[in-house]
Amino acid sequence: MIFKGKFFRKKGFSLIELLISVFVVAILFSATTLIFSRTNAKRNMQFDARTIEAIFRDVQQRSITQEGGAIWGIRFYSNMNSYYELFKSDNPISGALYSVETAPPAVTVVSKFQLRSKVFFVDPAPDYIKDIVFSNITGIPTPLSVPGVFENQILLSNTYGGQADELVAVTDNGTVRN
């Protein structure tokens, strides 16, 4: 007996059609999430680079005006929780590179800044501490005490790698560039 009519017509989707639809939506969602994550990490890195550039200029200005009669600098810590500090010192100090085992000279920390999520330092290398100190009156960075290391640069990267690194540097004549 063959049944025809409205009551026995096929309604809805088959299980295969539903599975294919869910699979396509899942692929689109994962691709969108990956693209957004990379864009967000790059934006965070660029924001941190601009912030470091502004702090370089601020510390340089404090050195030129001899604020508080102190020597001013920035200390960069490259480890699992990369961060940097704006500091001043009443004792003579110059730019230097320290391993984590070597204690850097004691200074007065004025401000501490944490890098954003998924952003880390490439220079200084992991497990190193780098001081960039500016000379009073001139605002020119003091030479680093370690030969062969590009003295006054900070290189940022993110966990996604690629060609997205950001370089912030102070030239020998005191120009800050990003």
N, C-alpha and C. Protein backbone atom coordinates (compact mmCIF):
# COMPACT_ATOMS: atom_id res chain seq x y z
N MET A 1 0.84 -1.17 0.00
CA MET A 1 0.00 0.00 0.00
C MET A 1 0.89 1.24 0.00
N ILE A 2 0.66 2.11 -0.90
CA ILE A 2 1.44 3.33 -1.03
C ILE A 2 0.63 4.47 -0.48
N PHE A 3 1.32 5.19 0.45
CA PHE A 3 0.64 6.34 1.06
C PHE A 3 1.14 7.62 0.41
N LYS A 4 0.26 8.41 -0.02
CA LYS A 4 0.60 9.70 -0.59
C LYS A 4 -0.29 10.74 0.07
N GLY A 5 0.23 11.92 0.09
CA GLY A 5 -0.58 12.99 0.67
C GLY A 5 0.26 13.85 1.59
N LYS A 6 -0.40 14.81 2.22
CA LYS A 6 0.30 15.75 3.08
C LYS A 6 0.87 15.09 4.33
N PHE A 7 0.19 14.14 4.84
CA PHE A 7 0.55 13.57 6.13
C PHE A 7 1.89 12.82 6.08
N PHE A 8 2.26 12.22 5.01
CA PHE A 8 3.46 11.41 4.94
C PHE A 8 4.62 12.07 4.21
N ARG A 9 4.56 13.34 3.93
CA ARG A 9 5.68 14.04 3.28
C ARG A 9 6.83 14.18 4.25
N LYS A 10 8.05 14.20 3.72
CA LYS A 10 9.27 14.36 4.52
C LYS A 10 9.34 15.80 5.01
N LYS A 11 9.51 15.98 6.32
CA LYS A 11 9.63 17.31 6.90
C LYS A 11 10.97 17.39 7.63
N GLY A 12 11.62 18.57 7.63
CA GLY A 12 12.85 18.79 8.39
C GLY A 12 14.09 18.34 7.63
N PHE A 13 15.20 18.19 8.39
CA PHE A 13 16.50 17.84 7.84
C PHE A 13 16.91 16.46 8.30
N SER A 14 17.73 15.83 7.49
CA SER A 14 18.25 14.53 7.91
C SER A 14 19.41 14.74 8.89
N LEU A 15 19.80 13.71 9.56
CA LEU A 15 20.89 13.78 10.54
C LEU A 15 22.20 14.18 9.86
N ILE A 16 22.47 13.69 8.69
CA ILE A 16 23.69 14.03 7.95
C ILE A 16 23.71 15.52 7.64
N GLU A 17 22.59 16.06 7.18
CA GLU A 17 22.53 17.49 6.87
C GLU A 17 22.80 18.34 8.12
N LEU A 18 22.27 17.95 9.23
CA LEU A 18 22.49 18.67 10.48
C LEU A 18 23.97 18.60 10.90
N LEU A 19 24.57 17.43 10.81
CA LEU A 19 25.98 17.26 11.19
C LEU A 19 26.89 18.09 10.29
N ILE A 20 26.62 18.12 9.02
CA ILE A 20 27.43 18.93 8.09
C ILE A 20 27.29 20.41 8.44
N SER A 21 26.10 20.86 8.72
CA SER A 21 25.87 22.26 9.08
C SER A 21 26.63 22.63 10.36
N VAL A 22 26.56 21.77 11.37
CA VAL A 22 27.27 22.03 12.64
C VAL A 22 28.77 22.04 12.40
N PHE A 23 29.27 21.14 11.58
CA PHE A 23 30.70 21.08 11.27
C PHE A 23 31.17 22.36 10.57
N VAL A 24 30.43 22.86 9.61
CA VAL A 24 30.79 24.09 8.90
C VAL A 24 30.78 25.28 9.86
N VAL A 25 29.78 25.37 10.71
CA VAL A 25 29.72 26.47 11.68
C VAL A 25 30.90 26.40 12.65
N ALA A 26 31.27 25.21 13.09
CA ALA A 26 32.40 25.04 14.01
C ALA A 26 33.71 25.48 13.35
N ILE A 27 33.91 25.15 12.09
CA ILE A 27 35.13 25.57 11.38
C ILE A 27 35.16 27.08 11.23
N LEU A 28 34.07 27.70 10.86
CA LEU A 28 34.02 29.16 10.74
C LEU A 28 34.28 29.84 12.09
N PHE A 29 33.71 29.30 13.16
CA PHE A 29 33.91 29.87 14.49
C PHE A 29 35.37 29.77 14.92
N SER A 30 36.01 28.63 14.70
CA SER A 30 37.41 28.47 15.11
C SER A 30 38.33 29.37 14.28
N ALA A 31 38.07 29.52 13.00
CA ALA A 31 38.89 30.41 12.16
C ALA A 31 38.74 31.86 12.61
N THR A 32 37.53 32.27 12.91
CA THR A 32 37.29 33.64 13.38
C THR A 32 37.98 33.88 14.71
N THR A 33 37.90 32.93 15.61
CA THR A 33 38.55 33.06 16.92
C THR A 33 40.06 33.17 16.78
N LEU A 34 40.65 32.38 15.92
CA LEU A 34 42.10 32.43 15.71
C LEU A 34 42.52 33.78 15.13
N ILE A 35 41.81 34.27 14.16
CA ILE A 35 42.13 35.57 13.56
C ILE A 35 41.99 36.68 14.60
N PHE A 36 40.93 36.64 15.38
CA PHE A 36 40.73 37.65 16.42
C PHE A 36 41.84 37.60 17.46
N SER A 37 42.25 36.40 17.87
CA SER A 37 43.31 36.26 18.88
C SER A 37 44.62 36.85 18.37
N ARG A 38 44.97 36.56 17.13
CA ARG A 38 46.20 37.12 16.57
C ARG A 38 46.14 38.63 16.47
N THR A 39 45.02 39.14 16.02
CA THR A 39 44.85 40.59 15.90
C THR A 39 44.93 41.25 17.27
N ASN A 40 44.31 40.65 18.26
CA ASN A 40 44.32 41.19 19.61
C ASN A 40 45.73 41.17 20.19
N ALA A 41 46.48 40.09 19.98
CA ALA A 41 47.85 40.00 20.49
C ALA A 41 48.74 41.04 19.82
N LYS A 42 48.57 41.25 18.53
CA LYS A 42 49.36 42.26 17.82
C LYS A 42 49.02 43.66 18.33
N ARG A 43 47.74 43.91 18.55
CA ARG A 43 47.31 45.21 19.08
C ARG A 43 47.89 45.43 20.48
N ASN A 44 47.88 44.41 21.32
CA ASN A 44 48.46 44.52 22.66
C ASN A 44 49.95 44.85 22.58
N MET A 45 50.66 44.19 21.66
CA MET A 45 52.09 44.42 21.51
C MET A 45 52.36 45.85 21.03
N GLN A 46 51.59 46.32 20.08
CA GLN A 46 51.76 47.69 19.60
C GLN A 46 51.46 48.70 20.70
N PHE A 47 50.44 48.43 21.50
CA PHE A 47 50.12 49.32 22.62
C PHE A 47 51.27 49.37 23.62
N ASP A 48 51.82 48.20 23.96
CA ASP A 48 52.95 48.16 24.89
C ASP A 48 54.17 48.89 24.32
N ALA A 49 54.41 48.75 23.02
CA ALA A 49 55.55 49.45 22.40
C ALA A 49 55.36 50.96 22.48
N ARG A 50 54.16 51.43 22.22
CA ARG A 50 53.89 52.87 22.32
C ARG A 50 54.01 53.36 23.76
N THR A 51 53.58 52.54 24.70
CA THR A 51 53.70 52.90 26.12
C THR A 51 55.16 53.00 26.53
N ILE A 52 55.97 52.03 26.12
CA ILE A 52 57.41 52.06 26.44
C ILE A 52 58.06 53.27 25.79
N GLU A 53 57.68 53.59 24.56
CA GLU A 53 58.22 54.77 23.89
C GLU A 53 57.88 56.03 24.69
N ALA A 54 56.65 56.15 25.15
CA ALA A 54 56.25 57.32 25.95
C ALA A 54 57.01 57.38 27.27
N ILE A 55 57.25 56.24 27.88
CA ILE A 55 58.00 56.21 29.14
C ILE A 55 59.46 56.57 28.90
N PHE A 56 60.03 56.10 27.77
CA PHE A 56 61.40 56.54 27.41
C PHE A 56 61.46 58.06 27.37
N ARG A 57 60.50 58.67 26.69
CA ARG A 57 60.49 60.13 26.57
C ARG A 57 60.31 60.81 27.93
N ASP A 58 59.45 60.24 28.76
CA ASP A 58 59.22 60.80 30.10
C ASP A 58 60.48 60.74 30.95
N VAL A 59 61.13 59.58 30.96
CA VAL A 59 62.35 59.42 31.75
C VAL A 59 63.46 60.32 31.21
N GLN A 60 63.53 60.42 29.90
CA GLN A 60 64.53 61.29 29.28
C GLN A 60 64.29 62.74 29.71
N GLN A 61 63.04 63.18 29.73
CA GLN A 61 62.72 64.55 30.15
C GLN A 61 63.05 64.76 31.63
N ARG A 62 62.78 63.76 32.47
CA ARG A 62 63.13 63.87 33.89
C ARG A 62 64.64 64.00 34.07
N SER A 63 65.40 63.31 33.22
CA SER A 63 66.86 63.40 33.30
C SER A 63 67.35 64.77 32.86
N ILE A 64 66.76 65.29 31.80
CA ILE A 64 67.17 66.60 31.29
C ILE A 64 66.90 67.69 32.33
N THR A 65 65.74 67.62 32.97
CA THR A 65 65.39 68.63 33.97
C THR A 65 65.98 68.33 35.34
N GLN A 66 66.65 67.19 35.47
CA GLN A 66 67.28 66.75 36.72
C GLN A 66 66.26 66.72 37.86
N GLU A 67 65.09 66.20 37.58
CA GLU A 67 64.02 66.13 38.57
C GLU A 67 64.49 65.41 39.83
N GLY A 68 64.34 66.07 40.94
CA GLY A 68 64.74 65.49 42.22
C GLY A 68 66.23 65.33 42.39
N GLY A 69 67.02 65.86 41.47
CA GLY A 69 68.47 65.73 41.56
C GLY A 69 68.94 64.29 41.41
N ALA A 70 68.12 63.44 40.82
CA ALA A 70 68.43 62.02 40.72
C ALA A 70 68.81 61.63 39.29
N ILE A 71 69.35 60.44 39.17
CA ILE A 71 69.61 59.81 37.87
C ILE A 71 68.39 58.94 37.56
N TRP A 72 67.87 59.05 36.33
CA TRP A 72 66.64 58.36 35.95
C TRP A 72 66.90 57.27 34.93
N GLY A 73 66.11 56.19 35.02
CA GLY A 73 66.25 55.10 34.07
C GLY A 73 65.03 54.19 34.08
N ILE A 74 65.11 53.18 33.24
CA ILE A 74 64.06 52.16 33.13
C ILE A 74 64.73 50.80 33.25
N ARG A 75 64.16 49.93 34.05
CA ARG A 75 64.69 48.57 34.24
C ARG A 75 63.67 47.59 33.67
N PHE A 76 64.14 46.73 32.74
CA PHE A 76 63.29 45.75 32.07
C PHE A 76 63.61 44.35 32.58
N TYR A 77 62.60 43.64 33.05
CA TYR A 77 62.74 42.27 33.54
C TYR A 77 62.12 41.33 32.52
N SER A 78 62.94 40.44 31.97
CA SER A 78 62.45 39.49 30.97
C SER A 78 62.38 38.11 31.61
N ASN A 79 61.18 37.71 32.00
CA ASN A 79 60.96 36.39 32.58
C ASN A 79 59.53 35.98 32.28
N MET A 80 58.99 35.04 33.02
CA MET A 80 57.62 34.57 32.75
C MET A 80 56.60 35.69 32.86
N ASN A 81 56.82 36.63 33.76
CA ASN A 81 55.92 37.78 33.92
C ASN A 81 56.70 39.04 33.58
N SER A 82 56.96 39.26 32.31
CA SER A 82 57.78 40.39 31.89
C SER A 82 57.15 41.71 32.33
N TYR A 83 57.99 42.57 32.90
CA TYR A 83 57.54 43.88 33.33
C TYR A 83 58.72 44.84 33.29
N TYR A 84 58.44 46.12 33.52
CA TYR A 84 59.50 47.12 33.54
C TYR A 84 59.17 48.17 34.59
N GLU A 85 60.22 48.83 35.08
CA GLU A 85 60.07 49.80 36.15
C GLU A 85 60.74 51.12 35.78
N LEU A 86 60.10 52.20 36.09
CA LEU A 86 60.69 53.51 35.99
C LEU A 86 61.37 53.74 37.34
N PHE A 87 62.67 54.08 37.33
CA PHE A 87 63.38 54.23 38.61
C PHE A 87 64.23 55.48 38.63
N LYS A 88 64.63 55.84 39.86
CA LYS A 88 65.58 56.93 40.06
C LYS A 88 66.60 56.45 41.06
N SER A 89 67.78 57.05 40.97
CA SER A 89 68.87 56.67 41.86
C SER A 89 69.65 57.92 42.26
N ASP A 90 70.00 57.98 43.53
CA ASP A 90 70.83 59.09 44.01
C ASP A 90 72.31 58.78 43.82
N ASN A 91 72.62 57.52 43.56
CA ASN A 91 74.01 57.09 43.34
C ASN A 91 74.28 56.98 41.85
N PRO A 92 75.53 57.18 41.44
CA PRO A 92 75.85 57.02 40.01
C PRO A 92 75.52 55.60 39.54
N ILE A 93 74.90 55.52 38.39
CA ILE A 93 74.50 54.24 37.80
C ILE A 93 74.53 54.42 36.28
N SER A 94 74.82 53.35 35.57
CA SER A 94 74.81 53.43 34.11
C SER A 94 74.03 52.24 33.57
N GLY A 95 73.77 52.28 32.28
CA GLY A 95 73.05 51.18 31.65
C GLY A 95 73.81 49.88 31.80
N ALA A 96 73.09 48.80 32.00
CA ALA A 96 73.75 47.51 32.20
C ALA A 96 72.79 46.37 31.88
N LEU A 97 73.36 45.18 31.71
CA LEU A 97 72.60 43.96 31.48
C LEU A 97 73.00 42.98 32.56
N TYR A 98 72.02 42.43 33.27
CA TYR A 98 72.28 41.52 34.38
C TYR A 98 71.55 40.21 34.12
N SER A 99 72.16 39.11 34.58
CA SER A 99 71.42 37.85 34.56
C SER A 99 70.55 37.84 35.82
N VAL A 100 69.59 36.93 35.86
CA VAL A 100 68.69 36.88 37.00
C VAL A 100 69.43 36.57 38.29
N GLU A 101 70.53 35.80 38.19
CA GLU A 101 71.30 35.45 39.38
C GLU A 101 72.07 36.64 39.95
N THR A 102 72.36 37.64 39.11
CA THR A 102 73.11 38.81 39.54
C THR A 102 72.13 39.89 39.96
N ALA A 103 72.28 40.37 41.17
CA ALA A 103 71.38 41.41 41.65
C ALA A 103 71.79 42.77 41.08
N PRO A 104 70.87 43.47 40.42
CA PRO A 104 71.19 44.82 39.93
C PRO A 104 71.29 45.79 41.11
N PRO A 105 71.90 46.94 40.91
CA PRO A 105 72.03 47.90 42.00
C PRO A 105 70.66 48.34 42.53
N ALA A 106 70.62 48.66 43.81
CA ALA A 106 69.38 49.11 44.43
C ALA A 106 69.02 50.50 43.91
N VAL A 107 67.76 50.67 43.57
CA VAL A 107 67.24 51.94 43.08
C VAL A 107 65.87 52.18 43.72
N THR A 108 65.36 53.38 43.57
CA THR A 108 64.02 53.71 44.05
C THR A 108 63.05 53.56 42.88
N VAL A 109 62.13 52.62 42.99
CA VAL A 109 61.16 52.38 41.92
C VAL A 109 60.04 53.41 42.04
N VAL A 110 59.81 54.14 40.96
CA VAL A 110 58.77 55.17 40.93
C VAL A 110 57.46 54.57 40.41
N SER A 111 57.54 53.77 39.34
CA SER A 111 56.35 53.14 38.75
C SER A 111 56.73 51.77 38.21
N LYS A 112 55.77 50.86 38.24
CA LYS A 112 55.97 49.51 37.70
C LYS A 112 54.88 49.25 36.67
N PHE A 113 55.28 48.68 35.52
CA PHE A 113 54.35 48.41 34.42
C PHE A 113 54.47 46.96 33.99
N GLN A 114 53.33 46.31 33.82
CA GLN A 114 53.27 44.91 33.38
C GLN A 114 52.96 44.89 31.89
N LEU A 115 53.63 44.00 31.15
CA LEU A 115 53.28 43.83 29.74
C LEU A 115 51.90 43.19 29.65
N ARG A 116 51.21 43.47 28.57
CA ARG A 116 49.88 42.91 28.37
C ARG A 116 49.94 41.41 28.07
N SER A 117 48.78 40.81 28.05
CA SER A 117 48.66 39.37 27.83
C SER A 117 49.28 38.95 26.50
N LYS A 118 50.03 37.86 26.52
CA LYS A 118 50.65 37.24 25.34
C LYS A 118 51.77 38.08 24.72
N VAL A 119 52.28 39.09 25.44
CA VAL A 119 53.38 39.92 24.96
C VAL A 119 54.58 39.67 25.87
N PHE A 120 55.77 39.58 25.26
CA PHE A 120 56.98 39.33 26.05
C PHE A 120 58.17 40.03 25.41
N PHE A 121 59.26 40.15 26.18
CA PHE A 121 60.48 40.76 25.68
C PHE A 121 61.31 39.73 24.93
N VAL A 122 61.86 40.13 23.79
CA VAL A 122 62.86 39.34 23.08
C VAL A 122 64.25 39.88 23.44
N ASP A 123 64.32 41.21 23.55
CA ASP A 123 65.54 41.89 24.02
C ASP A 123 65.11 42.85 25.11
N PRO A 124 65.46 42.61 26.36
CA PRO A 124 66.44 41.66 26.86
C PRO A 124 65.95 40.22 26.74
N ALA A 125 66.94 39.33 26.61
CA ALA A 125 66.66 37.90 26.47
C ALA A 125 66.00 37.37 27.75
N PRO A 126 65.33 36.24 27.66
CA PRO A 126 64.71 35.65 28.85
C PRO A 126 65.72 35.47 29.98
N ASP A 127 65.26 35.72 31.18
CA ASP A 127 66.05 35.61 32.41
C ASP A 127 67.16 36.65 32.50
N TYR A 128 66.99 37.78 31.84
CA TYR A 128 67.94 38.89 31.96
C TYR A 128 67.19 40.16 32.38
N ILE A 129 67.95 41.06 32.96
CA ILE A 129 67.45 42.36 33.39
C ILE A 129 68.28 43.41 32.67
N LYS A 130 67.62 44.40 32.07
CA LYS A 130 68.33 45.43 31.33
C LYS A 130 67.97 46.80 31.88
N ASP A 131 68.99 47.59 32.20
CA ASP A 131 68.80 48.97 32.64
C ASP A 131 69.14 49.91 31.49
N ILE A 132 68.26 50.84 31.22
CA ILE A 132 68.55 51.93 30.29
C ILE A 132 68.48 53.21 31.12
N VAL A 133 69.62 53.89 31.20
CA VAL A 133 69.75 55.06 32.06
C VAL A 133 70.09 56.27 31.19
N PHE A 134 69.50 57.41 31.51
CA PHE A 134 69.72 58.63 30.75
C PHE A 134 70.60 59.60 31.53
N SER A 135 71.50 60.26 30.81
CA SER A 135 72.40 61.24 31.42
C SER A 135 71.64 62.50 31.79
N ASN A 136 72.00 63.07 32.93
CA ASN A 136 71.41 64.35 33.32
C ASN A 136 71.80 65.43 32.33
N ILE A 137 70.97 66.40 32.19
CA ILE A 137 71.10 67.59 31.33
C ILE A 137 70.97 67.24 29.84
N THR A 138 71.72 66.27 29.32
CA THR A 138 71.68 65.96 27.89
C THR A 138 70.53 65.01 27.52
N GLY A 139 70.15 64.11 28.42
CA GLY A 139 69.12 63.13 28.12
C GLY A 139 69.58 62.03 27.20
N ILE A 140 70.89 61.94 26.98
CA ILE A 140 71.44 60.90 26.12
C ILE A 140 71.60 59.63 26.95
N PRO A 141 71.27 58.47 26.40
CA PRO A 141 71.43 57.24 27.18
C PRO A 141 72.89 56.93 27.46
N THR A 142 73.14 56.42 28.66
CA THR A 142 74.51 56.02 29.01
C THR A 142 74.85 54.73 28.30
N PRO A 143 76.12 54.52 27.97
CA PRO A 143 76.49 53.27 27.27
C PRO A 143 76.29 52.06 28.17
N LEU A 144 75.93 50.97 27.53
CA LEU A 144 75.74 49.71 28.24
C LEU A 144 77.10 49.12 28.55
N SER A 145 77.22 48.47 29.69
CA SER A 145 78.52 47.95 30.11
C SER A 145 78.86 46.60 29.50
N VAL A 146 78.00 46.08 28.62
CA VAL A 146 78.25 44.78 27.98
C VAL A 146 78.50 45.01 26.50
N PRO A 147 79.72 44.75 26.00
CA PRO A 147 79.98 44.96 24.57
C PRO A 147 79.25 43.93 23.72
N GLY A 148 78.91 44.35 22.51
CA GLY A 148 78.27 43.43 21.57
C GLY A 148 76.76 43.36 21.69
N VAL A 149 76.19 44.00 22.69
CA VAL A 149 74.74 44.02 22.84
C VAL A 149 74.25 45.38 22.37
N PHE A 150 73.24 45.37 21.49
CA PHE A 150 72.72 46.68 21.07
C PHE A 150 72.16 47.34 22.31
N GLU A 151 72.68 48.46 22.62
CA GLU A 151 72.54 49.04 23.93
C GLU A 151 71.13 49.45 24.32
N ASN A 152 70.54 50.32 23.60
CA ASN A 152 69.35 50.98 24.09
C ASN A 152 68.12 50.63 23.29
N GLN A 153 67.87 49.35 23.15
CA GLN A 153 66.68 48.91 22.44
C GLN A 153 65.92 47.89 23.27
N ILE A 154 64.64 47.86 23.05
CA ILE A 154 63.77 46.87 23.66
C ILE A 154 62.98 46.26 22.51
N LEU A 155 62.98 44.94 22.42
CA LEU A 155 62.27 44.25 21.34
C LEU A 155 61.15 43.43 21.96
N LEU A 156 59.93 43.66 21.48
CA LEU A 156 58.75 42.95 21.96
C LEU A 156 58.27 41.96 20.92
N SER A 157 57.67 40.88 21.38
CA SER A 157 57.04 39.93 20.48
C SER A 157 55.78 39.42 21.17
N ASN A 158 55.02 38.59 20.45
CA ASN A 158 53.85 37.98 21.07
C ASN A 158 53.90 36.48 20.87
N THR A 159 53.01 35.77 21.54
CA THR A 159 53.05 34.31 21.52
C THR A 159 52.73 33.73 20.15
N TYR A 160 52.21 34.53 19.24
CA TYR A 160 51.90 34.02 17.90
C TYR A 160 53.08 34.15 16.94
N GLY A 161 54.15 34.84 17.36
CA GLY A 161 55.36 34.93 16.55
C GLY A 161 55.13 35.63 15.23
N GLY A 162 55.86 35.22 14.23
CA GLY A 162 55.73 35.83 12.92
C GLY A 162 56.58 37.09 12.81
N GLN A 163 56.26 37.93 11.86
CA GLN A 163 57.00 39.16 11.61
C GLN A 163 56.37 40.34 12.36
N ALA A 164 55.76 40.08 13.49
CA ALA A 164 55.01 41.13 14.17
C ALA A 164 55.79 41.78 15.31
N ASP A 165 57.11 41.60 15.36
CA ASP A 165 57.89 42.15 16.46
C ASP A 165 57.88 43.68 16.42
N GLU A 166 57.96 44.28 17.61
CA GLU A 166 58.00 45.74 17.74
C GLU A 166 59.31 46.13 18.41
N LEU A 167 60.00 47.10 17.83
CA LEU A 167 61.28 47.57 18.36
C LEU A 167 61.10 49.00 18.86
N VAL A 168 61.55 49.23 20.09
CA VAL A 168 61.59 50.58 20.65
C VAL A 168 63.05 50.83 21.00
N ALA A 169 63.60 51.93 20.51
CA ALA A 169 65.03 52.18 20.71
C ALA A 169 65.27 53.66 20.98
N VAL A 170 66.40 53.90 21.64
CA VAL A 170 66.89 55.26 21.84
C VAL A 170 68.24 55.32 21.14
N THR A 171 68.38 56.21 20.18
CA THR A 171 69.63 56.32 19.46
C THR A 171 70.70 56.98 20.33
N ASP A 172 71.94 56.93 19.86
CA ASP A 172 73.04 57.50 20.63
C ASP A 172 72.90 59.01 20.85
N ASN A 173 72.15 59.67 19.97
CA ASN A 173 71.95 61.11 20.15
C ASN A 173 70.69 61.43 20.96
N GLY A 174 70.00 60.39 21.46
CA GLY A 174 68.87 60.59 22.35
C GLY A 174 67.51 60.56 21.68
N THR A 175 67.45 60.28 20.39
CA THR A 175 66.15 60.23 19.71
C THR A 175 65.46 58.91 20.02
N VAL A 176 64.20 59.00 20.45
CA VAL A 176 63.41 57.81 20.75
C VAL A 176 62.63 57.45 19.50
N ARG A 177 62.71 56.17 19.10
CA ARG A 177 61.98 55.75 17.89
C ARG A 177 61.29 54.43 18.13
N ASN A 178 60.21 54.23 17.39
CA ASN A 178 59.43 52.99 17.49
C ASN A 178 59.19 52.50 16.08
